[in-house]
Amino acid sequence: MHYNMAKVCAICEKGSMVMGTRVLLRGKYNPTKRSRKYPNLQWAALPSGKRVKLCTRCLRTGKYLKQK
């Protein structure tokens, strides 16, 4: 588990991803085809008392309650 990484879930290790977007009317002189999307991370306390950042899927399913 990565406890010290800022934008990564501590349980499932979900991180950022680069997504491609269609350039419609943003202007042909300022094309931006790629953007980086980050997961929705929230602070949560493990049963051991340690606080980590979790994605909302792990938080909703309760995977963090099974961690030591």
PDB file of N, CA and C in Angstrom:
ATOM      1  N   MET A   1       0.833  -1.187   0.000  1.00  0.00           N
ATOM      2  CA  MET A   1       0.000   0.000   0.000  1.00  0.00           C
ATOM      3  C   MET A   1       0.870   1.240   0.000  1.00  0.00           C
ATOM      4  N   HIS A   2       0.447   2.236  -0.753  1.00  0.00           N
ATOM      5  CA  HIS A   2       1.173   3.494  -0.825  1.00  0.00           C
ATOM      6  C   HIS A   2       0.474   4.507   0.071  1.00  0.00           C
ATOM      7  N   TYR A   3       1.002   4.719   1.247  1.00  0.00           N
ATOM      8  CA  TYR A   3       0.388   5.675   2.157  1.00  0.00           C
ATOM      9  C   TYR A   3       0.840   7.099   1.893  1.00  0.00           C
ATOM     10  N   ASN A   4       2.004   7.276   1.261  1.00  0.00           N
ATOM     11  CA  ASN A   4       2.557   8.611   1.175  1.00  0.00           C
ATOM     12  C   ASN A   4       2.344   9.272  -0.178  1.00  0.00           C
ATOM     13  N   MET A   5       1.692   8.629  -1.115  1.00  0.00           N
ATOM     14  CA  MET A   5       1.462   9.259  -2.411  1.00  0.00           C
ATOM     15  C   MET A   5       0.202  10.117  -2.333  1.00  0.00           C
ATOM     16  N   ALA A   6       0.255  11.281  -2.933  1.00  0.00           N
ATOM     17  CA  ALA A   6      -0.801  12.268  -2.727  1.00  0.00           C
ATOM     18  C   ALA A   6      -2.068  11.969  -3.515  1.00  0.00           C
ATOM     19  N   LYS A   7      -1.969  11.581  -4.775  1.00  0.00           N
ATOM     20  CA  LYS A   7      -3.163  11.460  -5.618  1.00  0.00           C
ATOM     21  C   LYS A   7      -3.416  10.019  -6.034  1.00  0.00           C
ATOM     22  N   VAL A   8      -3.163   9.084  -5.118  1.00  0.00           N
ATOM     23  CA  VAL A   8      -3.373   7.660  -5.376  1.00  0.00           C
ATOM     24  C   VAL A   8      -4.136   7.079  -4.195  1.00  0.00           C
ATOM     25  N   CYS A   9      -5.124   6.232  -4.497  1.00  0.00           N
ATOM     26  CA  CYS A   9      -5.877   5.556  -3.432  1.00  0.00           C
ATOM     27  C   CYS A   9      -4.948   4.596  -2.691  1.00  0.00           C
ATOM     28  N   ALA A  10      -5.044   4.562  -1.380  1.00  0.00           N
ATOM     29  CA  ALA A  10      -4.151   3.738  -0.571  1.00  0.00           C
ATOM     30  C   ALA A  10      -4.504   2.261  -0.654  1.00  0.00           C
ATOM     31  N   ILE A  11      -5.713   1.913  -1.065  1.00  0.00           N
ATOM     32  CA  ILE A  11      -6.118   0.503  -1.085  1.00  0.00           C
ATOM     33  C   ILE A  11      -6.057  -0.083  -2.490  1.00  0.00           C
ATOM     34  N   CYS A  12      -6.771   0.524  -3.431  1.00  0.00           N
ATOM     35  CA  CYS A  12      -6.810  -0.060  -4.778  1.00  0.00           C
ATOM     36  C   CYS A  12      -5.773   0.555  -5.703  1.00  0.00           C
ATOM     37  N   GLU A  13      -5.033   1.563  -5.245  1.00  0.00           N
ATOM     38  CA  GLU A  13      -3.975   2.238  -5.994  1.00  0.00           C
ATOM     39  C   GLU A  13      -4.481   2.869  -7.286  1.00  0.00           C
ATOM     40  N   LYS A  14      -5.711   3.337  -7.270  1.00  0.00           N
ATOM     41  CA  LYS A  14      -6.246   4.058  -8.418  1.00  0.00           C
ATOM     42  C   LYS A  14      -5.593   5.429  -8.471  1.00  0.00           C
ATOM     43  N   GLY A  15      -5.088   5.798  -9.639  1.00  0.00           N
ATOM     44  CA  GLY A  15      -4.407   7.069  -9.790  1.00  0.00           C
ATOM     45  C   GLY A  15      -4.987   7.869 -10.935  1.00  0.00           C
ATOM     46  N   SER A  16      -4.210   8.818 -11.412  1.00  0.00           N
ATOM     47  CA  SER A  16      -4.684   9.685 -12.474  1.00  0.00           C
ATOM     48  C   SER A  16      -4.572   8.987 -13.819  1.00  0.00           C
ATOM     49  N   MET A  17      -5.357   9.463 -14.772  1.00  0.00           N
ATOM     50  CA  MET A  17      -5.279   8.929 -16.127  1.00  0.00           C
ATOM     51  C   MET A  17      -5.417  10.077 -17.117  1.00  0.00           C
ATOM     52  N   VAL A  18      -4.776   9.904 -18.274  1.00  0.00           N
ATOM     53  CA  VAL A  18      -4.832  10.903 -19.323  1.00  0.00           C
ATOM     54  C   VAL A  18      -5.939  10.508 -20.275  1.00  0.00           C
ATOM     55  N   MET A  19      -6.859  11.438 -20.523  1.00  0.00           N
ATOM     56  CA  MET A  19      -7.976  11.168 -21.412  1.00  0.00           C
ATOM     57  C   MET A  19      -7.878  12.072 -22.625  1.00  0.00           C
ATOM     58  N   GLY A  20      -8.268  11.537 -23.757  1.00  0.00           N
ATOM     59  CA  GLY A  20      -8.307  12.333 -24.973  1.00  0.00           C
ATOM     60  C   GLY A  20      -9.684  12.916 -25.167  1.00  0.00           C
ATOM     61  N   THR A  21      -9.744  14.164 -25.574  1.00  0.00           N
ATOM     62  CA  THR A  21     -11.020  14.820 -25.822  1.00  0.00           C
ATOM     63  C   THR A  21     -11.065  15.263 -27.280  1.00  0.00           C
ATOM     64  N   ARG A  22     -12.252  15.352 -27.808  1.00  0.00           N
ATOM     65  CA  ARG A  22     -12.421  15.844 -29.172  1.00  0.00           C
ATOM     66  C   ARG A  22     -12.313  17.355 -29.170  1.00  0.00           C
ATOM     67  N   VAL A  23     -11.577  17.900 -30.095  1.00  0.00           N
ATOM     68  CA  VAL A  23     -11.442  19.346 -30.202  1.00  0.00           C
ATOM     69  C   VAL A  23     -12.564  19.835 -31.097  1.00  0.00           C
ATOM     70  N   LEU A  24     -13.560  20.495 -30.519  1.00  0.00           N
ATOM     71  CA  LEU A  24     -14.693  20.962 -31.301  1.00  0.00           C
ATOM     72  C   LEU A  24     -14.541  22.444 -31.628  1.00  0.00           C
ATOM     73  N   LEU A  25     -14.927  23.311 -30.747  1.00  0.00           N
ATOM     74  CA  LEU A  25     -14.866  24.741 -31.029  1.00  0.00           C
ATOM     75  C   LEU A  25     -13.948  25.460 -30.059  1.00  0.00           C
ATOM     76  N   ARG A  26     -12.876  24.808 -29.659  1.00  0.00           N
ATOM     77  CA  ARG A  26     -11.952  25.474 -28.740  1.00  0.00           C
ATOM     78  C   ARG A  26     -10.999  26.375 -29.501  1.00  0.00           C
ATOM     79  N   GLY A  27     -11.055  26.366 -30.778  1.00  0.00           N
ATOM     80  CA  GLY A  27     -10.166  27.216 -31.579  1.00  0.00           C
ATOM     81  C   GLY A  27      -9.037  26.402 -32.154  1.00  0.00           C
ATOM     82  N   LYS A  28      -8.758  26.606 -33.405  1.00  0.00           N
ATOM     83  CA  LYS A  28      -7.706  25.801 -34.023  1.00  0.00           C
ATOM     84  C   LYS A  28      -6.321  26.302 -33.676  1.00  0.00           C
ATOM     85  N   TYR A  29      -6.231  27.449 -33.032  1.00  0.00           N
ATOM     86  CA  TYR A  29      -4.927  27.970 -32.642  1.00  0.00           C
ATOM     87  C   TYR A  29      -4.566  27.605 -31.219  1.00  0.00           C
ATOM     88  N   ASN A  30      -5.505  26.995 -30.466  1.00  0.00           N
ATOM     89  CA  ASN A  30      -5.224  26.553 -29.110  1.00  0.00           C
ATOM     90  C   ASN A  30      -5.764  25.137 -28.924  1.00  0.00           C
ATOM     91  N   PRO A  31      -5.183  24.169 -29.627  1.00  0.00           N
ATOM     92  CA  PRO A  31      -5.725  22.814 -29.509  1.00  0.00           C
ATOM     93  C   PRO A  31      -5.282  22.140 -28.210  1.00  0.00           C
ATOM     94  N   THR A  32      -6.216  21.591 -27.479  1.00  0.00           N
ATOM     95  CA  THR A  32      -5.914  20.810 -26.282  1.00  0.00           C
ATOM     96  C   THR A  32      -6.658  19.495 -26.416  1.00  0.00           C
ATOM     97  N   LYS A  33      -5.948  18.449 -26.769  1.00  0.00           N
ATOM     98  CA  LYS A  33      -6.577  17.164 -27.023  1.00  0.00           C
ATOM     99  C   LYS A  33      -6.516  16.233 -25.826  1.00  0.00           C
ATOM    100  N   ARG A  34      -5.640  16.492 -24.888  1.00  0.00           N
ATOM    101  CA  ARG A  34      -5.477  15.579 -23.769  1.00  0.00           C
ATOM    102  C   ARG A  34      -5.667  16.326 -22.465  1.00  0.00           C
ATOM    103  N   SER A  35      -6.293  15.652 -21.524  1.00  0.00           N
ATOM    104  CA  SER A  35      -6.461  16.231 -20.194  1.00  0.00           C
ATOM    105  C   SER A  35      -6.279  15.119 -19.169  1.00  0.00           C
ATOM    106  N   ARG A  36      -5.833  15.484 -17.996  1.00  0.00           N
ATOM    107  CA  ARG A  36      -5.586  14.515 -16.936  1.00  0.00           C
ATOM    108  C   ARG A  36      -6.731  14.540 -15.940  1.00  0.00           C
ATOM    109  N   LYS A  37      -7.288  13.368 -15.660  1.00  0.00           N
ATOM    110  CA  LYS A  37      -8.386  13.235 -14.713  1.00  0.00           C
ATOM    111  C   LYS A  37      -7.869  12.553 -13.451  1.00  0.00           C
ATOM    112  N   TYR A  38      -8.274  13.074 -12.298  1.00  0.00           N
ATOM    113  CA  TYR A  38      -7.832  12.531 -11.020  1.00  0.00           C
ATOM    114  C   TYR A  38      -8.998  11.838 -10.325  1.00  0.00           C
ATOM    115  N   PRO A  39      -8.726  10.811  -9.518  1.00  0.00           N
ATOM    116  CA  PRO A  39      -9.816  10.143  -8.801  1.00  0.00           C
ATOM    117  C   PRO A  39     -10.326  11.000  -7.652  1.00  0.00           C
ATOM    118  N   ASN A  40     -11.537  10.701  -7.227  1.00  0.00           N
ATOM    119  CA  ASN A  40     -12.166  11.423  -6.120  1.00  0.00           C
ATOM    120  C   ASN A  40     -11.655  10.801  -4.812  1.00  0.00           C
ATOM    121  N   LEU A  41     -10.653  11.425  -4.218  1.00  0.00           N
ATOM    122  CA  LEU A  41     -10.030  10.895  -2.997  1.00  0.00           C
ATOM    123  C   LEU A  41     -10.534  11.644  -1.778  1.00  0.00           C
ATOM    124  N   GLN A  42     -10.806  10.894  -0.725  1.00  0.00           N
ATOM    125  CA  GLN A  42     -11.289  11.460   0.526  1.00  0.00           C
ATOM    126  C   GLN A  42     -10.456  10.894   1.670  1.00  0.00           C
ATOM    127  N   TRP A  43     -10.330  11.673   2.736  1.00  0.00           N
ATOM    128  CA  TRP A  43      -9.632  11.191   3.925  1.00  0.00           C
ATOM    129  C   TRP A  43     -10.536  10.228   4.690  1.00  0.00           C
ATOM    130  N   ALA A  44      -9.955   9.116   5.150  1.00  0.00           N
ATOM    131  CA  ALA A  44     -10.711   8.160   5.959  1.00  0.00           C
ATOM    132  C   ALA A  44      -9.758   7.553   6.977  1.00  0.00           C
ATOM    133  N   ALA A  45     -10.311   7.138   8.095  1.00  0.00           N
ATOM    134  CA  ALA A  45      -9.505   6.544   9.161  1.00  0.00           C
ATOM    135  C   ALA A  45      -9.605   5.027   9.081  1.00  0.00           C
ATOM    136  N   LEU A  46      -8.463   4.369   9.098  1.00  0.00           N
ATOM    137  CA  LEU A  46      -8.420   2.912   9.138  1.00  0.00           C
ATOM    138  C   LEU A  46      -8.765   2.440  10.543  1.00  0.00           C
ATOM    139  N   PRO A  47      -9.105   1.163  10.716  1.00  0.00           N
ATOM    140  CA  PRO A  47      -9.378   0.659  12.071  1.00  0.00           C
ATOM    141  C   PRO A  47      -8.186   0.788  13.006  1.00  0.00           C
ATOM    142  N   SER A  48      -6.974   0.861  12.446  1.00  0.00           N
ATOM    143  CA  SER A  48      -5.792   1.030  13.292  1.00  0.00           C
ATOM    144  C   SER A  48      -5.634   2.467  13.782  1.00  0.00           C
ATOM    145  N   GLY A  49      -6.450   3.395  13.245  1.00  0.00           N
ATOM    146  CA  GLY A  49      -6.372   4.789  13.653  1.00  0.00           C
ATOM    147  C   GLY A  49      -5.600   5.658  12.686  1.00  0.00           C
ATOM    148  N   LYS A  50      -4.951   5.068  11.695  1.00  0.00           N
ATOM    149  CA  LYS A  50      -4.185   5.819  10.716  1.00  0.00           C
ATOM    150  C   LYS A  50      -5.125   6.421   9.674  1.00  0.00           C
ATOM    151  N   ARG A  51      -4.878   7.669   9.272  1.00  0.00           N
ATOM    152  CA  ARG A  51      -5.708   8.323   8.265  1.00  0.00           C
ATOM    153  C   ARG A  51      -5.028   8.233   6.907  1.00  0.00           C
ATOM    154  N   VAL A  52      -5.772   7.817   5.898  1.00  0.00           N
ATOM    155  CA  VAL A  52      -5.244   7.683   4.541  1.00  0.00           C
ATOM    156  C   VAL A  52      -6.256   8.276   3.568  1.00  0.00           C
ATOM    157  N   LYS A  53      -5.805   8.507   2.334  1.00  0.00           N
ATOM    158  CA  LYS A  53      -6.695   8.970   1.280  1.00  0.00           C
ATOM    159  C   LYS A  53      -7.212   7.771   0.511  1.00  0.00           C
ATOM    160  N   LEU A  54      -8.547   7.682   0.383  1.00  0.00           N
ATOM    161  CA  LEU A  54      -9.193   6.585  -0.318  1.00  0.00           C
ATOM    162  C   LEU A  54     -10.054   7.134  -1.431  1.00  0.00           C
ATOM    163  N   CYS A  55     -10.211   6.329  -2.494  1.00  0.00           N
ATOM    164  CA  CYS A  55     -11.169   6.715  -3.524  1.00  0.00           C
ATOM    165  C   CYS A  55     -12.570   6.420  -2.995  1.00  0.00           C
ATOM    166  N   THR A  56     -13.560   7.049  -3.581  1.00  0.00           N
ATOM    167  CA  THR A  56     -14.910   6.919  -3.066  1.00  0.00           C
ATOM    168  C   THR A  56     -15.479   5.523  -3.291  1.00  0.00           C
ATOM    169  N   ARG A  57     -14.966   4.783  -4.264  1.00  0.00           N
ATOM    170  CA  ARG A  57     -15.440   3.413  -4.458  1.00  0.00           C
ATOM    171  C   ARG A  57     -15.012   2.521  -3.294  1.00  0.00           C
ATOM    172  N   CYS A  58     -13.767   2.651  -2.850  1.00  0.00           N
ATOM    173  CA  CYS A  58     -13.308   1.864  -1.693  1.00  0.00           C
ATOM    174  C   CYS A  58     -14.023   2.312  -0.421  1.00  0.00           C
ATOM    175  N   LEU A  59     -14.307   3.590  -0.334  1.00  0.00           N
ATOM    176  CA  LEU A  59     -15.005   4.120   0.832  1.00  0.00           C
ATOM    177  C   LEU A  59     -16.440   3.607   0.885  1.00  0.00           C
ATOM    178  N   ARG A  60     -17.091   3.561  -0.282  1.00  0.00           N
ATOM    179  CA  ARG A  60     -18.489   3.150  -0.346  1.00  0.00           C
ATOM    180  C   ARG A  60     -18.645   1.645  -0.111  1.00  0.00           C
ATOM    181  N   THR A  61     -17.713   0.837  -0.628  1.00  0.00           N
ATOM    182  CA  THR A  61     -17.824  -0.606  -0.456  1.00  0.00           C
ATOM    183  C   THR A  61     -17.318  -1.086   0.899  1.00  0.00           C
ATOM    184  N   GLY A  62     -16.594  -0.227   1.624  1.00  0.00           N
ATOM    185  CA  GLY A  62     -16.105  -0.576   2.955  1.00  0.00           C
ATOM    186  C   GLY A  62     -14.860  -1.426   2.945  1.00  0.00           C
ATOM    187  N   LYS A  63     -14.069  -1.346   1.877  1.00  0.00           N
ATOM    188  CA  LYS A  63     -12.822  -2.125   1.814  1.00  0.00           C
ATOM    189  C   LYS A  63     -11.821  -1.678   2.864  1.00  0.00           C
ATOM    190  N   TYR A  64     -11.894  -0.417   3.268  1.00  0.00           N
ATOM    191  CA  TYR A  64     -10.914   0.097   4.225  1.00  0.00           C
ATOM    192  C   TYR A  64     -11.145  -0.461   5.623  1.00  0.00           C
ATOM    193  N   LEU A  65     -12.335  -0.976   5.897  1.00  0.00           N
ATOM    194  CA  LEU A  65     -12.607  -1.546   7.228  1.00  0.00           C
ATOM    195  C   LEU A  65     -11.923  -2.896   7.418  1.00  0.00           C
ATOM    196  N   LYS A  66     -11.574  -3.555   6.306  1.00  0.00           N
ATOM    197  CA  LYS A  66     -10.923  -4.865   6.382  1.00  0.00           C
ATOM    198  C   LYS A  66      -9.408  -4.757   6.459  1.00  0.00           C
ATOM    199  N   GLN A  67      -8.868  -3.553   6.326  1.00  0.00           N
ATOM    200  CA  GLN A  67      -7.423  -3.347   6.378  1.00  0.00           C
ATOM    201  C   GLN A  67      -6.938  -3.348   7.817  1.00  0.00           C
ATOM    202  N   LYS A  68      -5.668  -3.695   7.998  1.00  0.00           N
ATOM    203  CA  LYS A  68      -5.078  -3.712   9.331  1.00  0.00           C
ATOM    204  C   LYS A  68      -4.379  -2.414   9.622  1.00  0.00           C
TER     205      LYS A  68
END
